[in-house]
Amino acid sequence: MEGIFSWLNQTPFQGDFIQTWMLLAAGLGLILVLILILVLMRKRKSNKIEEPNIEEPVTEKPDPPPVLELANLQGLGKREEQQDAFGISRMERIEEDGLLAVLCDGMGGMAEGGMIAAETAAEMVGMFPWEDDNAVPEWVRQRSSRVYQQFRGHGGTTLVAALLRGQSLSFWCVGDSDLFLWRECKLYALNVRQEFKNDLVLRALEGAFPVEEAFTDPQAGALSEYIGKEDVKCDYTYVPFSLQPEDVLLLCSDGVSDTLTLKQIREAMALPPQACCDKLEEEILAAGSPNQDNYTAIVLKYHGKGEKK
């Protein structure tokens, strides 16, 4: 025990000054090594914890809206057979060729009205695209002449055809099928019905008889022009009509336009194309006409020229 107490009473460092500082430096070095080992161990543990795989949100540029939307409607009404017909050119060729929509209403009470309407619509769509729009009225005249030669005026069809190319509209009309334009909540009739009523009104204005009689004449609603006459006059655009973005076009047989009011048509055309067709049919069925004619419609909504992807 005395040896131990004598050792404890000794000074911690014996020897010269240099030996003392060498011992202190060795101790500090050991401490630094231990600290470094601890730091490396903690870093190694933290590397084992995987960070969650959080992907950077990618904002994709939305596809441009289509240049044109379309929808169609067709119903039998109270008739025994469908005598309306329509045709539309290939949608995927709209940038190269434009888009052609054709609607024909076979004349009821005449021979093979449905067949004539279907053949006329199919033939016109089949010859599209053509090189010159100015050649279309001559085709209409030739088509009418061929039908006349076959049925001698006892078979025929109306025609309304619209061609959208770029920002322009061209149309060709024969008979009483209609072409309407909806623009900025207003409704416009782009074609004039070719009915005897118009001829009677002109004669009445010349003093032949009172104007009221022009509207009450039994033949007022009869067609003055139709495909099936020996010589037909086609109503058409001499200069293409300029379209504006969000314009809506409606091609329809008189089974639509004679049943509904212009207010009903205007309100329906304010809706998207398919909803417009649904609304038109809803209103036609609600009217419940006992003599409801075949009804057919094509709705085209022009959005303007979209940007290419």
Protein backbone atom coordinates (compact mmCIF):
# COMPACT_ATOMS: atom_id res chain seq x y z
CA MET A 1 0.00 0.00 0.00
CA GLU A 2 2.80 2.37 0.83
CA GLY A 3 4.15 1.78 -2.68
CA ILE A 4 0.84 2.73 -4.22
CA PHE A 5 0.47 5.90 -2.17
CA SER A 6 3.95 6.91 -3.02
CA TRP A 7 3.15 6.44 -6.73
CA LEU A 8 0.01 8.56 -6.49
CA ASN A 9 1.98 11.33 -4.82
CA GLN A 10 4.32 11.49 -7.76
CA THR A 11 3.90 14.25 -10.45
CA PRO A 12 2.03 13.04 -13.55
CA PHE A 13 4.85 13.83 -15.91
CA GLN A 14 8.40 13.23 -15.13
CA GLY A 15 11.15 14.15 -17.33
CA ASP A 16 11.87 17.15 -19.48
CA PHE A 17 9.37 19.57 -21.15
CA ILE A 18 9.53 18.00 -24.64
CA GLN A 19 8.47 14.59 -23.35
CA THR A 20 5.46 16.17 -21.63
CA TRP A 21 4.14 17.84 -24.86
CA MET A 22 4.73 14.70 -26.89
CA LEU A 23 2.43 12.83 -24.54
CA LEU A 24 -0.23 15.55 -24.83
CA ALA A 25 -0.03 15.51 -28.63
CA ALA A 26 -0.45 11.74 -28.70
CA GLY A 27 -3.56 12.05 -26.54
CA LEU A 28 -5.09 14.73 -28.74
CA GLY A 29 -4.36 12.67 -31.84
CA LEU A 30 -6.14 9.69 -30.32
CA ILE A 31 -9.18 11.84 -29.54
CA LEU A 32 -9.28 13.20 -33.11
CA VAL A 33 -9.09 9.67 -34.53
CA LEU A 34 -12.02 8.60 -32.35
CA ILE A 35 -14.07 11.63 -33.46
CA LEU A 36 -13.34 10.89 -37.13
CA ILE A 37 -14.42 7.25 -36.69
CA LEU A 38 -17.71 8.36 -35.12
CA VAL A 39 -18.39 10.82 -37.94
CA LEU A 40 -17.73 8.19 -40.62
CA MET A 41 -19.99 5.67 -38.87
CA ARG A 42 -22.89 8.17 -38.67
CA LYS A 43 -22.44 9.10 -42.33
CA ARG A 44 -22.47 5.44 -43.31
CA LYS A 45 -25.73 4.89 -41.45
CA SER A 46 -27.33 7.90 -43.07
CA ASN A 47 -26.36 6.63 -46.53
CA LYS A 48 -28.21 3.37 -45.84
CA ILE A 49 -31.53 5.26 -45.49
CA GLU A 50 -32.86 5.60 -49.03
CA GLU A 51 -34.51 8.82 -49.95
CA PRO A 52 -38.05 8.47 -51.35
CA ASN A 53 -38.21 8.45 -55.14
CA ILE A 54 -40.00 11.72 -55.76
CA GLU A 55 -40.34 12.50 -59.45
CA GLU A 56 -40.25 16.02 -60.67
CA PRO A 57 -43.71 17.08 -61.87
CA VAL A 58 -43.82 17.26 -65.66
CA THR A 59 -46.06 19.86 -67.21
CA GLU A 60 -47.11 18.67 -70.66
CA LYS A 61 -48.31 21.09 -73.29
CA PRO A 62 -51.97 20.30 -73.99
CA ASP A 63 -52.91 19.18 -77.46
CA PRO A 64 -54.30 21.99 -79.61
CA PRO A 65 -58.09 21.92 -80.01
CA PRO A 66 -59.42 20.40 -83.23
CA VAL A 67 -60.05 22.72 -86.13
CA LEU A 68 -63.53 21.29 -86.49
CA GLU A 69 -66.04 19.32 -84.43
CA LEU A 70 -68.99 17.55 -86.02
CA ALA A 71 -72.02 15.48 -85.12
CA ASN A 72 -75.08 14.20 -86.96
CA LEU A 73 -78.68 13.26 -86.29
CA GLN A 74 -81.20 11.20 -88.23
CA GLY A 75 -84.68 9.93 -87.45
CA LEU A 76 -87.57 8.27 -89.26
CA GLY A 77 -90.36 10.44 -87.86
CA LYS A 78 -93.83 9.12 -88.74
CA ARG A 79 -92.80 7.96 -92.21
CA GLU A 80 -92.57 4.33 -93.24
CA GLU A 81 -89.11 4.66 -94.81
CA GLN A 82 -86.07 6.87 -94.52
CA GLN A 83 -85.71 9.10 -97.58
CA ASP A 84 -83.06 11.42 -96.16
CA ALA A 85 -79.40 10.71 -96.84
CA PHE A 86 -76.12 12.35 -95.88
CA GLY A 87 -72.40 11.94 -96.39
CA ILE A 88 -69.21 13.44 -94.95
CA SER A 89 -65.71 13.33 -96.45
CA ARG A 90 -62.75 11.88 -94.56
CA MET A 91 -62.03 13.86 -91.39
CA GLU A 92 -58.34 12.91 -91.41
CA ARG A 93 -57.91 14.71 -94.75
CA ILE A 94 -59.27 18.03 -93.52
CA GLU A 95 -55.89 19.82 -93.58
CA GLU A 96 -55.11 18.67 -97.13
CA ASP A 97 -58.56 18.75 -98.76
CA GLY A 98 -60.96 20.48 -96.40
CA LEU A 99 -64.19 18.81 -95.28
CA LEU A 100 -67.33 18.28 -97.36
CA ALA A 101 -70.74 17.63 -95.76
CA VAL A 102 -73.70 16.68 -97.98
CA LEU A 103 -77.36 16.25 -97.05
CA CYS A 104 -80.16 15.19 -99.40
CA ASP A 105 -83.89 14.88 -98.75
CA GLY A 106 -85.63 12.53 -101.18
CA MET A 107 -88.94 13.93 -102.37
CA GLY A 108 -91.84 12.20 -100.65
CA GLY A 109 -94.62 10.88 -102.85
CA MET A 110 -92.29 10.48 -105.80
CA ALA A 111 -90.61 7.37 -107.14
CA GLU A 112 -87.46 6.18 -105.36
CA GLY A 113 -86.87 9.42 -103.44
CA GLY A 114 -84.67 7.66 -100.87
CA MET A 115 -82.57 5.94 -103.52
CA ILE A 116 -82.06 9.18 -105.47
CA ALA A 117 -81.05 11.01 -102.28
CA ALA A 118 -78.59 8.30 -101.23
CA GLU A 119 -77.01 8.04 -104.68
CA THR A 120 -76.68 11.82 -105.00
CA ALA A 121 -75.00 12.19 -101.59
CA ALA A 122 -72.67 9.24 -102.23
CA GLU A 123 -71.72 10.46 -105.70
CA MET A 124 -70.89 13.97 -104.51
CA VAL A 125 -68.75 12.77 -101.60
CA GLY A 126 -67.12 10.19 -103.89
CA MET A 127 -65.93 12.80 -106.40
CA PHE A 128 -64.38 14.92 -103.62
CA PRO A 129 -61.78 16.43 -103.56
CA TRP A 130 -62.20 18.21 -106.85
CA GLU A 131 -59.86 20.65 -108.51
CA ASP A 132 -62.28 23.52 -109.12
CA ASP A 133 -65.26 24.56 -106.97
CA ASN A 134 -66.72 26.36 -109.99
CA ALA A 135 -67.31 22.98 -111.64
CA VAL A 136 -69.75 21.86 -108.94
CA PRO A 137 -72.87 23.70 -110.29
CA GLU A 138 -72.33 21.97 -113.63
CA TRP A 139 -72.11 18.60 -111.86
CA VAL A 140 -75.42 19.42 -110.11
CA ARG A 141 -77.01 20.21 -113.48
CA GLN A 142 -75.73 16.98 -115.01
CA ARG A 143 -76.83 14.93 -112.02
CA SER A 144 -80.32 16.45 -112.21
CA SER A 145 -80.49 15.74 -115.94
CA ARG A 146 -79.59 12.07 -115.41
CA VAL A 147 -82.29 11.68 -112.76
CA TYR A 148 -84.81 13.39 -115.04
CA GLN A 149 -84.00 11.04 -117.88
CA GLN A 150 -84.66 8.09 -115.61
CA PHE A 151 -87.81 9.31 -113.84
CA ARG A 152 -89.13 12.06 -116.18
CA GLY A 153 -89.73 14.53 -113.35
CA HIS A 154 -91.44 12.01 -111.06
CA GLY A 155 -88.46 11.43 -108.77
CA GLY A 156 -85.99 13.75 -107.15
CA THR A 157 -84.15 15.04 -104.10
CA THR A 158 -83.03 18.26 -102.46
CA LEU A 159 -79.37 19.01 -101.86
CA VAL A 160 -77.41 21.10 -99.39
CA ALA A 161 -73.63 20.72 -99.43
CA ALA A 162 -71.05 22.68 -97.43
CA LEU A 163 -67.30 22.69 -98.01
CA LEU A 164 -65.01 23.99 -95.26
CA ARG A 165 -61.50 24.62 -96.51
CA GLY A 166 -59.11 26.63 -94.33
CA GLN A 167 -61.15 29.53 -92.98
CA SER A 168 -63.59 29.58 -95.89
CA LEU A 169 -67.03 28.11 -96.54
CA SER A 170 -68.52 27.30 -99.92
CA PHE A 171 -71.99 25.82 -100.33
CA TRP A 172 -74.37 24.50 -102.99
CA CYS A 173 -78.13 24.18 -102.43
CA VAL A 174 -81.13 22.92 -104.40
CA GLY A 175 -84.65 22.76 -102.95
CA ASP A 176 -85.81 23.44 -99.39
CA SER A 177 -83.14 21.88 -97.19
CA ASP A 178 -81.52 24.51 -94.99
CA LEU A 179 -78.07 25.80 -94.11
CA PHE A 180 -77.90 27.85 -90.90
CA LEU A 181 -75.02 29.76 -89.32
CA TRP A 182 -74.82 30.45 -85.57
CA ARG A 183 -72.42 33.27 -84.77
CA GLU A 184 -72.13 35.17 -81.49
CA CYS A 185 -75.57 33.98 -80.31
CA LYS A 186 -77.30 35.02 -83.55
CA LEU A 187 -78.84 32.74 -86.16
CA TYR A 188 -78.52 33.35 -89.91
CA ALA A 189 -79.99 31.48 -92.89
CA LEU A 190 -77.26 31.22 -95.51
CA ASN A 191 -79.42 29.86 -98.33
CA VAL A 192 -82.83 30.75 -99.73
CA ARG A 193 -85.39 27.97 -100.04
CA GLN A 194 -86.34 27.30 -103.63
CA GLU A 195 -90.11 27.07 -103.20
CA PHE A 196 -93.04 28.29 -105.31
CA LYS A 197 -93.92 30.59 -102.42
CA ASN A 198 -91.05 32.89 -103.34
CA ASP A 199 -92.19 33.05 -106.96
CA LEU A 200 -95.76 33.75 -105.83
CA VAL A 201 -94.59 36.59 -103.58
CA LEU A 202 -92.76 38.22 -106.49
CA ARG A 203 -95.86 37.96 -108.66
CA ALA A 204 -97.97 39.38 -105.84
CA LEU A 205 -95.62 42.34 -105.49
CA GLU A 206 -96.09 42.99 -109.20
CA GLY A 207 -99.82 43.30 -108.53
CA ALA A 208 -101.04 39.94 -109.82
CA PHE A 209 -102.89 39.17 -106.55
CA PRO A 210 -102.74 40.10 -102.83
CA VAL A 211 -99.54 39.13 -101.03
CA GLU A 212 -101.51 37.11 -98.46
CA GLU A 213 -102.56 34.69 -101.20
CA ALA A 214 -98.91 33.86 -101.90
CA PHE A 215 -98.66 32.24 -98.46
CA THR A 216 -102.03 30.47 -98.52
CA ASP A 217 -101.74 29.03 -102.02
CA PRO A 218 -101.85 25.19 -101.94
CA GLN A 219 -98.67 25.05 -104.01
CA ALA A 220 -96.75 27.56 -101.88
CA GLY A 221 -94.61 24.90 -100.21
CA ALA A 222 -93.90 22.93 -103.38
CA LEU A 223 -90.35 22.92 -104.69
CA SER A 224 -89.50 25.17 -107.60
CA GLU A 225 -86.09 23.51 -107.96
CA TYR A 226 -84.93 19.98 -107.19
CA ILE A 227 -82.44 17.47 -108.49
CA GLY A 228 -84.60 15.55 -110.95
CA LYS A 229 -85.70 18.51 -113.07
CA GLU A 230 -84.62 18.62 -116.67
CA ASP A 231 -82.90 21.95 -116.07
CA VAL A 232 -82.15 22.92 -112.49
CA LYS A 233 -80.89 26.16 -110.92
CA CYS A 234 -78.39 25.72 -108.11
CA ASP A 235 -78.00 28.31 -105.35
CA TYR A 236 -74.32 28.58 -104.47
CA THR A 237 -71.55 30.85 -103.21
CA TYR A 238 -69.81 32.78 -105.97
CA VAL A 239 -67.17 33.90 -103.45
CA PRO A 240 -66.23 31.71 -100.45
CA PHE A 241 -67.72 32.88 -97.17
CA SER A 242 -65.23 33.70 -94.38
CA LEU A 243 -65.65 31.80 -91.13
CA GLN A 244 -64.83 33.05 -87.65
CA PRO A 245 -63.65 30.90 -84.72
CA GLU A 246 -66.56 29.27 -82.85
CA ASP A 247 -68.95 29.59 -85.82
CA VAL A 248 -71.48 26.74 -85.96
CA LEU A 249 -73.11 25.42 -89.14
CA LEU A 250 -76.27 23.34 -89.35
CA LEU A 251 -77.29 21.44 -92.48
CA CYS A 252 -80.79 20.03 -92.06
CA SER A 253 -83.77 18.62 -93.93
CA ASP A 254 -87.14 20.32 -93.58
CA GLY A 255 -88.13 17.62 -91.10
CA VAL A 256 -86.02 19.65 -88.65
CA SER A 257 -86.60 23.23 -89.73
CA ASP A 258 -90.34 22.92 -90.44
CA THR A 259 -90.98 21.31 -87.05
CA LEU A 260 -88.91 23.60 -84.83
CA THR A 261 -88.96 27.36 -84.37
CA LEU A 262 -85.93 29.47 -85.20
CA LYS A 263 -85.57 30.15 -81.46
CA GLN A 264 -85.34 26.43 -80.72
CA ILE A 265 -82.77 25.95 -83.47
CA ARG A 266 -80.69 28.90 -82.26
CA GLU A 267 -80.69 27.67 -78.66
CA ALA A 268 -79.66 24.17 -79.73
CA MET A 269 -76.82 25.48 -81.90
CA ALA A 270 -75.36 27.29 -78.90
CA LEU A 271 -74.51 23.84 -77.46
CA PRO A 272 -71.57 21.60 -78.45
CA PRO A 273 -72.28 19.63 -81.68
CA GLN A 274 -73.40 16.34 -80.14
CA ALA A 275 -75.45 18.11 -77.48
CA CYS A 276 -76.97 20.23 -80.26
CA CYS A 277 -78.11 17.10 -82.12
CA ASP A 278 -79.53 15.61 -78.93
CA LYS A 279 -81.43 18.82 -78.21
CA LEU A 280 -82.84 19.05 -81.74
CA GLU A 281 -84.15 15.49 -81.54
CA GLU A 282 -85.56 16.08 -78.06
CA GLU A 283 -87.51 19.11 -79.32
CA ILE A 284 -88.72 17.26 -82.45
CA LEU A 285 -90.04 14.35 -80.39
CA ALA A 286 -91.60 16.73 -77.88
CA ALA A 287 -93.47 18.50 -80.70
CA GLY A 288 -95.28 15.23 -81.38
CA SER A 289 -96.34 16.11 -84.92
CA PRO A 290 -98.64 13.37 -86.31
CA ASN A 291 -97.13 13.95 -89.77
CA GLN A 292 -93.52 14.25 -88.67
CA ASP A 293 -91.25 13.95 -91.70
CA ASN A 294 -87.87 12.22 -91.76
CA TYR A 295 -85.36 14.46 -90.01
CA THR A 296 -81.63 14.69 -90.62
CA ALA A 297 -79.01 17.17 -89.43
CA ILE A 298 -75.25 17.69 -89.62
CA VAL A 299 -73.67 20.09 -87.11
CA LEU A 300 -70.19 21.53 -87.70
CA LYS A 301 -68.38 23.74 -85.19
CA TYR A 302 -65.35 25.62 -86.48
CA HIS A 303 -62.72 26.40 -83.82
CA GLY A 304 -60.24 28.17 -86.04
CA LYS A 305 -56.86 27.04 -87.28
CA GLY A 306 -55.08 25.20 -84.48
CA GLU A 307 -51.32 25.09 -83.97
CA LYS A 308 -49.53 22.05 -85.24
CA LYS A 309 -47.91 19.79 -82.67
